[in-house]
């Protein structure tokens, strides 16, 4: 059975896409810790990040870096945090979380940021525009 991320990649579930190429996909987390919280996934469905083949793994981190640069240019933050949590969904993924400097920006137990659909679209568009430059 396809993971929820594979369904998002295939367009079966809508997402706020911020970047895509032939092998990777990035989209806003719909339950963000901070504005601009982005999930990045390889299109190849592999459960564990370290089980990716070397070419996919290296390409994945090149893509993650390009997405992170676009986020930093689009969302006010002091830097970006990266989390590889990977236990909740059986599809390798990375969280890119804009850090605002409050000290608890990366705390998955805290209440999530409430955003409107228009705010998600605006942020996704800004990040995508920077990514495409």
N, C-alpha and C. Protein backbone atom coordinates (compact mmCIF):
# COMPACT_ATOMS: atom_id res chain seq x y z
N UNK A 1 0.85 -1.18 0.00
CA UNK A 1 0.00 0.00 0.00
C UNK A 1 0.89 1.25 0.00
N UNK A 2 0.54 2.21 -0.82
CA UNK A 2 1.32 3.45 -0.94
C UNK A 2 1.23 4.27 0.35
N UNK A 3 2.33 4.91 0.69
CA UNK A 3 2.34 5.79 1.86
C UNK A 3 1.55 7.06 1.55
N UNK A 4 1.20 7.78 2.60
CA UNK A 4 0.50 9.06 2.40
C UNK A 4 1.36 10.02 1.56
N UNK A 5 2.68 9.94 1.70
CA UNK A 5 3.55 10.81 0.92
C UNK A 5 3.51 10.44 -0.56
N UNK A 6 3.46 9.15 -0.86
CA UNK A 6 3.35 8.72 -2.26
C UNK A 6 2.03 9.20 -2.84
N UNK A 7 0.97 9.16 -2.05
CA UNK A 7 -0.33 9.66 -2.52
C UNK A 7 -0.28 11.16 -2.77
N UNK A 8 0.45 11.89 -1.93
CA UNK A 8 0.63 13.34 -2.15
C UNK A 8 1.42 13.58 -3.43
N UNK A 9 2.52 12.88 -3.60
CA UNK A 9 3.35 13.01 -4.80
C UNK A 9 2.54 12.73 -6.06
N UNK A 10 1.68 11.71 -6.00
CA UNK A 10 0.87 11.32 -7.16
C UNK A 10 -0.36 12.19 -7.36
N UNK A 11 -0.58 13.16 -6.47
CA UNK A 11 -1.72 14.06 -6.60
C UNK A 11 -3.04 13.48 -6.12
N UNK A 12 -3.00 12.34 -5.45
CA UNK A 12 -4.21 11.73 -4.91
C UNK A 12 -4.69 12.46 -3.66
N UNK A 13 -3.76 13.10 -2.98
CA UNK A 13 -4.05 13.93 -1.81
C UNK A 13 -3.46 15.30 -2.10
N UNK A 14 -4.23 16.38 -1.92
CA UNK A 14 -3.69 17.72 -2.22
C UNK A 14 -2.57 18.12 -1.26
N UNK A 15 -1.71 19.00 -1.75
CA UNK A 15 -0.63 19.52 -0.90
C UNK A 15 -0.30 20.93 -1.34
N UNK A 16 0.44 21.61 -0.48
CA UNK A 16 0.96 22.94 -0.80
C UNK A 16 2.41 22.75 -1.25
N UNK A 17 2.57 22.40 -2.53
CA UNK A 17 3.89 22.08 -3.07
C UNK A 17 4.77 23.32 -3.09
N UNK A 18 6.02 23.16 -2.65
CA UNK A 18 6.98 24.26 -2.72
C UNK A 18 8.09 23.98 -3.73
N UNK A 19 8.33 22.69 -4.04
CA UNK A 19 9.40 22.36 -4.99
C UNK A 19 9.22 20.92 -5.45
N UNK A 20 9.69 20.68 -6.69
CA UNK A 20 9.63 19.33 -7.23
C UNK A 20 10.63 19.19 -8.36
N UNK A 21 11.21 18.02 -8.47
CA UNK A 21 11.96 17.65 -9.67
C UNK A 21 11.61 16.20 -9.99
N UNK A 22 12.36 15.56 -10.83
CA UNK A 22 12.03 14.19 -11.24
C UNK A 22 12.10 13.18 -10.10
N UNK A 23 12.89 13.47 -9.07
CA UNK A 23 13.14 12.47 -8.02
C UNK A 23 12.68 12.85 -6.62
N UNK A 24 12.35 14.13 -6.40
CA UNK A 24 12.06 14.60 -5.03
C UNK A 24 10.89 15.58 -5.05
N UNK A 25 10.29 15.72 -3.88
CA UNK A 25 9.09 16.55 -3.75
C UNK A 25 9.14 17.23 -2.38
N UNK A 26 8.78 18.52 -2.33
CA UNK A 26 8.75 19.26 -1.07
C UNK A 26 7.41 19.99 -0.97
N UNK A 27 6.83 19.96 0.23
CA UNK A 27 5.52 20.57 0.45
C UNK A 27 5.40 21.04 1.89
N UNK A 28 4.52 22.01 2.11
CA UNK A 28 4.32 22.53 3.46
C UNK A 28 3.64 21.50 4.34
N UNK A 29 4.10 21.41 5.57
CA UNK A 29 3.45 20.57 6.58
C UNK A 29 2.12 21.24 6.93
N UNK A 30 1.02 20.50 6.89
CA UNK A 30 -0.29 21.11 7.17
C UNK A 30 -0.54 21.27 8.67
N UNK A 31 0.36 20.74 9.49
CA UNK A 31 0.32 20.96 10.94
C UNK A 31 1.68 21.51 11.37
N UNK A 32 1.99 22.74 10.94
CA UNK A 32 3.35 23.25 11.09
C UNK A 32 3.72 23.66 12.52
N UNK A 33 5.00 23.47 12.81
CA UNK A 33 5.55 23.98 14.08
C UNK A 33 5.80 25.47 13.97
N UNK A 34 6.19 25.94 12.79
CA UNK A 34 6.38 27.36 12.50
C UNK A 34 5.93 27.60 11.06
N UNK A 35 5.68 28.85 10.74
CA UNK A 35 5.32 29.21 9.36
C UNK A 35 6.46 28.80 8.43
N UNK A 36 6.13 28.07 7.38
CA UNK A 36 7.14 27.63 6.42
C UNK A 36 7.68 26.24 6.66
N UNK A 37 7.20 25.56 7.71
CA UNK A 37 7.61 24.18 8.02
C UNK A 37 7.34 23.31 6.79
N UNK A 38 8.38 22.72 6.26
CA UNK A 38 8.31 21.99 4.99
C UNK A 38 8.77 20.55 5.16
N UNK A 39 8.09 19.66 4.47
CA UNK A 39 8.49 18.25 4.39
C UNK A 39 9.11 18.01 3.03
N UNK A 40 10.23 17.28 3.02
CA UNK A 40 10.92 16.96 1.78
C UNK A 40 11.03 15.44 1.71
N UNK A 41 10.64 14.88 0.56
CA UNK A 41 10.62 13.42 0.41
C UNK A 41 11.21 13.01 -0.94
N UNK A 42 11.85 11.85 -0.98
CA UNK A 42 12.19 11.29 -2.28
C UNK A 42 10.93 10.69 -2.88
N UNK A 43 10.81 10.74 -4.19
CA UNK A 43 9.65 10.12 -4.83
C UNK A 43 9.71 8.60 -4.73
N UNK A 44 10.91 8.08 -4.64
CA UNK A 44 11.08 6.65 -4.45
C UNK A 44 10.63 6.32 -3.03
N UNK A 45 9.68 5.42 -2.91
CA UNK A 45 9.13 5.08 -1.59
C UNK A 45 10.05 4.09 -0.88
N UNK A 46 10.84 4.62 0.04
CA UNK A 46 11.73 3.83 0.89
C UNK A 46 11.45 4.24 2.32
N UNK A 47 11.25 3.29 3.20
CA UNK A 47 10.85 3.57 4.57
C UNK A 47 11.90 4.35 5.35
N UNK A 48 13.14 3.95 5.28
CA UNK A 48 14.18 4.46 6.17
C UNK A 48 15.21 5.26 5.36
N UNK A 49 15.47 6.46 5.80
CA UNK A 49 16.38 7.36 5.08
C UNK A 49 17.70 6.68 4.72
N UNK A 50 18.27 5.93 5.64
CA UNK A 50 19.57 5.34 5.41
C UNK A 50 19.52 4.06 4.57
N UNK A 51 18.32 3.69 4.13
CA UNK A 51 18.18 2.59 3.17
C UNK A 51 18.12 3.09 1.73
N UNK A 52 18.11 4.42 1.53
CA UNK A 52 18.15 4.95 0.17
C UNK A 52 19.46 4.55 -0.48
N UNK A 53 19.43 4.25 -1.78
CA UNK A 53 20.68 3.96 -2.48
C UNK A 53 21.52 5.24 -2.50
N UNK A 54 22.80 5.09 -2.73
CA UNK A 54 23.73 6.21 -2.62
C UNK A 54 23.38 7.38 -3.55
N UNK A 55 22.99 7.10 -4.77
CA UNK A 55 22.67 8.16 -5.72
C UNK A 55 21.43 8.93 -5.26
N UNK A 56 20.40 8.21 -4.82
CA UNK A 56 19.17 8.87 -4.34
C UNK A 56 19.45 9.65 -3.07
N UNK A 57 20.23 9.09 -2.17
CA UNK A 57 20.56 9.75 -0.90
C UNK A 57 21.30 11.07 -1.15
N UNK A 58 22.32 11.02 -1.98
CA UNK A 58 23.11 12.22 -2.27
C UNK A 58 22.25 13.26 -2.99
N UNK A 59 21.48 12.84 -3.96
CA UNK A 59 20.60 13.75 -4.67
C UNK A 59 19.55 14.35 -3.76
N UNK A 60 19.07 13.55 -2.81
CA UNK A 60 18.08 14.01 -1.85
C UNK A 60 18.63 15.18 -1.04
N UNK A 61 19.84 15.05 -0.53
CA UNK A 61 20.40 16.13 0.27
C UNK A 61 20.75 17.35 -0.57
N UNK A 62 21.10 17.16 -1.83
CA UNK A 62 21.29 18.32 -2.73
C UNK A 62 19.96 19.06 -2.89
N UNK A 63 18.87 18.31 -3.07
CA UNK A 63 17.54 18.90 -3.21
C UNK A 63 17.12 19.60 -1.92
N UNK A 64 17.35 18.95 -0.78
CA UNK A 64 17.02 19.53 0.53
C UNK A 64 17.73 20.85 0.71
N UNK A 65 19.00 20.92 0.33
CA UNK A 65 19.76 22.17 0.47
C UNK A 65 19.15 23.28 -0.38
N UNK A 66 18.77 22.97 -1.61
CA UNK A 66 18.18 23.97 -2.49
C UNK A 66 16.84 24.45 -1.93
N UNK A 67 16.04 23.52 -1.40
CA UNK A 67 14.75 23.90 -0.79
C UNK A 67 15.01 24.77 0.43
N UNK A 68 15.99 24.40 1.25
CA UNK A 68 16.26 25.18 2.46
C UNK A 68 16.67 26.61 2.13
N UNK A 69 17.46 26.78 1.08
CA UNK A 69 17.86 28.12 0.66
C UNK A 69 16.64 28.94 0.23
N UNK A 70 15.70 28.30 -0.45
CA UNK A 70 14.48 29.00 -0.88
C UNK A 70 13.62 29.38 0.32
N UNK A 71 13.54 28.49 1.31
CA UNK A 71 12.76 28.79 2.52
C UNK A 71 13.37 29.99 3.25
N UNK A 72 14.70 29.98 3.43
CA UNK A 72 15.36 31.06 4.16
C UNK A 72 15.17 32.41 3.49
N UNK A 73 15.02 32.43 2.17
CA UNK A 73 14.79 33.68 1.45
C UNK A 73 13.32 34.10 1.49
N UNK A 74 12.43 33.19 1.87
CA UNK A 74 10.99 33.44 1.80
C UNK A 74 10.30 33.63 3.14
N UNK A 75 10.89 33.08 4.19
CA UNK A 75 10.26 33.10 5.51
C UNK A 75 11.22 33.73 6.51
N UNK A 76 10.73 34.67 7.28
CA UNK A 76 11.58 35.33 8.27
C UNK A 76 11.98 34.31 9.35
N UNK A 77 13.29 34.08 9.47
CA UNK A 77 13.80 33.15 10.48
C UNK A 77 15.28 33.44 10.70
N UNK A 78 15.81 32.96 11.82
CA UNK A 78 17.23 33.17 12.09
C UNK A 78 18.09 32.08 11.45
N UNK A 79 17.49 30.91 11.24
CA UNK A 79 18.11 29.82 10.51
C UNK A 79 17.09 28.71 10.36
N UNK A 80 17.48 27.65 9.71
CA UNK A 80 16.57 26.52 9.50
C UNK A 80 17.02 25.33 10.33
N UNK A 81 16.06 24.68 10.95
CA UNK A 81 16.33 23.43 11.64
C UNK A 81 15.94 22.27 10.73
N UNK A 82 16.64 21.16 10.88
CA UNK A 82 16.35 19.97 10.10
C UNK A 82 16.14 18.81 11.05
N UNK A 83 15.04 18.09 10.85
CA UNK A 83 14.74 16.95 11.70
C UNK A 83 14.46 15.74 10.83
N UNK A 84 15.12 14.64 11.16
CA UNK A 84 14.82 13.35 10.55
C UNK A 84 14.22 12.53 11.67
N UNK A 85 12.92 12.49 11.68
CA UNK A 85 12.19 11.81 12.75
C UNK A 85 11.85 10.41 12.29
N UNK A 86 11.06 10.32 11.25
CA UNK A 86 10.90 9.11 10.48
C UNK A 86 10.21 7.90 11.08
N UNK A 87 9.51 8.05 12.17
CA UNK A 87 8.82 6.89 12.74
C UNK A 87 7.33 6.89 12.46
N UNK A 88 6.79 8.02 12.09
CA UNK A 88 5.34 8.14 11.94
C UNK A 88 4.82 7.72 10.58
N UNK A 89 5.61 7.86 9.53
CA UNK A 89 5.19 7.52 8.18
C UNK A 89 6.30 6.69 7.54
N UNK A 90 5.96 5.54 6.97
CA UNK A 90 7.00 4.66 6.40
C UNK A 90 7.47 5.12 5.02
N UNK A 91 8.00 6.34 4.98
CA UNK A 91 8.53 6.92 3.75
C UNK A 91 9.59 7.93 4.20
N UNK A 92 10.82 7.75 3.77
CA UNK A 92 11.90 8.64 4.18
C UNK A 92 11.49 10.10 3.97
N UNK A 93 11.76 10.94 4.96
CA UNK A 93 11.42 12.35 4.83
C UNK A 93 12.22 13.18 5.82
N UNK A 94 12.33 14.45 5.49
CA UNK A 94 13.04 15.42 6.32
C UNK A 94 12.10 16.59 6.57
N UNK A 95 12.10 17.07 7.82
CA UNK A 95 11.37 18.29 8.17
C UNK A 95 12.37 19.44 8.12
N UNK A 96 12.03 20.51 7.40
CA UNK A 96 12.80 21.75 7.42
C UNK A 96 11.93 22.77 8.16
N UNK A 97 12.45 23.25 9.28
CA UNK A 97 11.65 24.09 10.17
C UNK A 97 12.34 25.44 10.38
N UNK A 98 11.70 26.52 9.90
CA UNK A 98 12.27 27.85 10.15
C UNK A 98 12.32 28.13 11.66
N UNK A 99 13.49 28.49 12.12
CA UNK A 99 13.68 28.78 13.55
C UNK A 99 13.55 30.27 13.78
N UNK A 100 12.66 30.61 14.70
CA UNK A 100 12.39 32.01 15.01
C UNK A 100 13.22 32.48 16.21
N UNK A 101 13.88 31.54 16.88
CA UNK A 101 14.75 31.89 17.99
C UNK A 101 14.11 31.83 19.36
N UNK A 102 12.97 31.16 19.46
CA UNK A 102 12.29 31.09 20.75
C UNK A 102 12.83 29.96 21.63
N UNK A 103 13.67 29.10 21.07
CA UNK A 103 14.24 28.03 21.86
C UNK A 103 13.44 26.75 21.84
N UNK A 104 12.18 26.83 21.45
CA UNK A 104 11.37 25.61 21.39
C UNK A 104 10.68 25.47 20.04
N UNK A 105 11.29 26.00 19.00
CA UNK A 105 10.70 25.91 17.67
C UNK A 105 10.56 24.47 17.20
N UNK A 106 11.48 23.61 17.62
CA UNK A 106 11.40 22.20 17.24
C UNK A 106 10.95 21.40 18.46
N UNK A 107 9.67 21.44 18.67
CA UNK A 107 9.04 20.68 19.76
C UNK A 107 7.72 20.16 19.21
N UNK A 108 7.72 18.90 18.80
CA UNK A 108 6.55 18.33 18.14
C UNK A 108 5.36 18.16 19.08
N UNK A 109 5.56 18.37 20.37
CA UNK A 109 4.44 18.23 21.31
C UNK A 109 3.70 19.55 21.54
N UNK A 110 4.28 20.65 21.09
CA UNK A 110 3.62 21.95 21.31
C UNK A 110 2.48 22.14 20.31
N UNK A 111 1.57 23.05 20.60
CA UNK A 111 0.46 23.31 19.66
C UNK A 111 0.99 23.77 18.31
N UNK A 112 0.32 23.34 17.27
CA UNK A 112 0.73 23.68 15.91
C UNK A 112 0.24 25.09 15.55
N UNK A 113 0.92 25.70 14.61
CA UNK A 113 0.57 27.03 14.14
C UNK A 113 -0.70 26.93 13.30
N UNK A 114 -1.67 27.78 13.59
CA UNK A 114 -2.91 27.82 12.82
C UNK A 114 -2.70 28.74 11.62
N UNK A 115 -3.02 28.24 10.43
CA UNK A 115 -2.87 29.04 9.23
C UNK A 115 -4.08 28.84 8.33
N UNK A 116 -4.43 29.88 7.58
CA UNK A 116 -5.52 29.78 6.63
C UNK A 116 -5.00 29.18 5.32
N UNK A 117 -5.91 28.74 4.48
CA UNK A 117 -5.52 28.21 3.18
C UNK A 117 -4.78 29.28 2.38
N UNK A 118 -5.24 30.51 2.48
CA UNK A 118 -4.59 31.61 1.76
C UNK A 118 -3.15 31.80 2.23
N UNK A 119 -2.92 31.68 3.54
CA UNK A 119 -1.55 31.82 4.08
C UNK A 119 -0.66 30.68 3.59
N UNK A 120 -1.19 29.45 3.58
CA UNK A 120 -0.41 28.32 3.06
C UNK A 120 -0.04 28.57 1.60
N UNK A 121 -1.01 28.98 0.80
CA UNK A 121 -0.77 29.21 -0.62
C UNK A 121 0.27 30.32 -0.82
N UNK A 122 0.16 31.39 -0.05
CA UNK A 122 1.11 32.50 -0.17
C UNK A 122 2.54 32.06 0.15
N UNK A 123 2.71 31.32 1.23
CA UNK A 123 4.05 30.86 1.62
C UNK A 123 4.59 29.86 0.60
N UNK A 124 3.75 28.91 0.19
CA UNK A 124 4.19 27.91 -0.80
C UNK A 124 4.63 28.60 -2.09
N UNK A 125 3.88 29.60 -2.51
CA UNK A 125 4.21 30.33 -3.74
C UNK A 125 5.54 31.07 -3.60
N UNK A 126 5.74 31.74 -2.46
CA UNK A 126 7.00 32.45 -2.23
C UNK A 126 8.19 31.50 -2.29
N UNK A 127 8.07 30.37 -1.59
CA UNK A 127 9.17 29.41 -1.55
C UNK A 127 9.42 28.85 -2.95
N UNK A 128 8.34 28.49 -3.64
CA UNK A 128 8.49 27.94 -4.99
C UNK A 128 9.15 28.94 -5.93
N UNK A 129 8.75 30.20 -5.84
CA UNK A 129 9.37 31.22 -6.70
C UNK A 129 10.86 31.33 -6.45
N UNK A 130 11.29 31.26 -5.19
CA UNK A 130 12.72 31.30 -4.87
C UNK A 130 13.42 30.04 -5.35
N UNK A 131 12.76 28.90 -5.19
CA UNK A 131 13.34 27.63 -5.62
C UNK A 131 13.58 27.62 -7.13
N UNK A 132 12.65 28.19 -7.88
CA UNK A 132 12.73 28.17 -9.34
C UNK A 132 13.75 29.15 -9.91
N UNK A 133 14.24 30.08 -9.10
CA UNK A 133 15.22 31.08 -9.59
C UNK A 133 16.52 30.41 -9.98
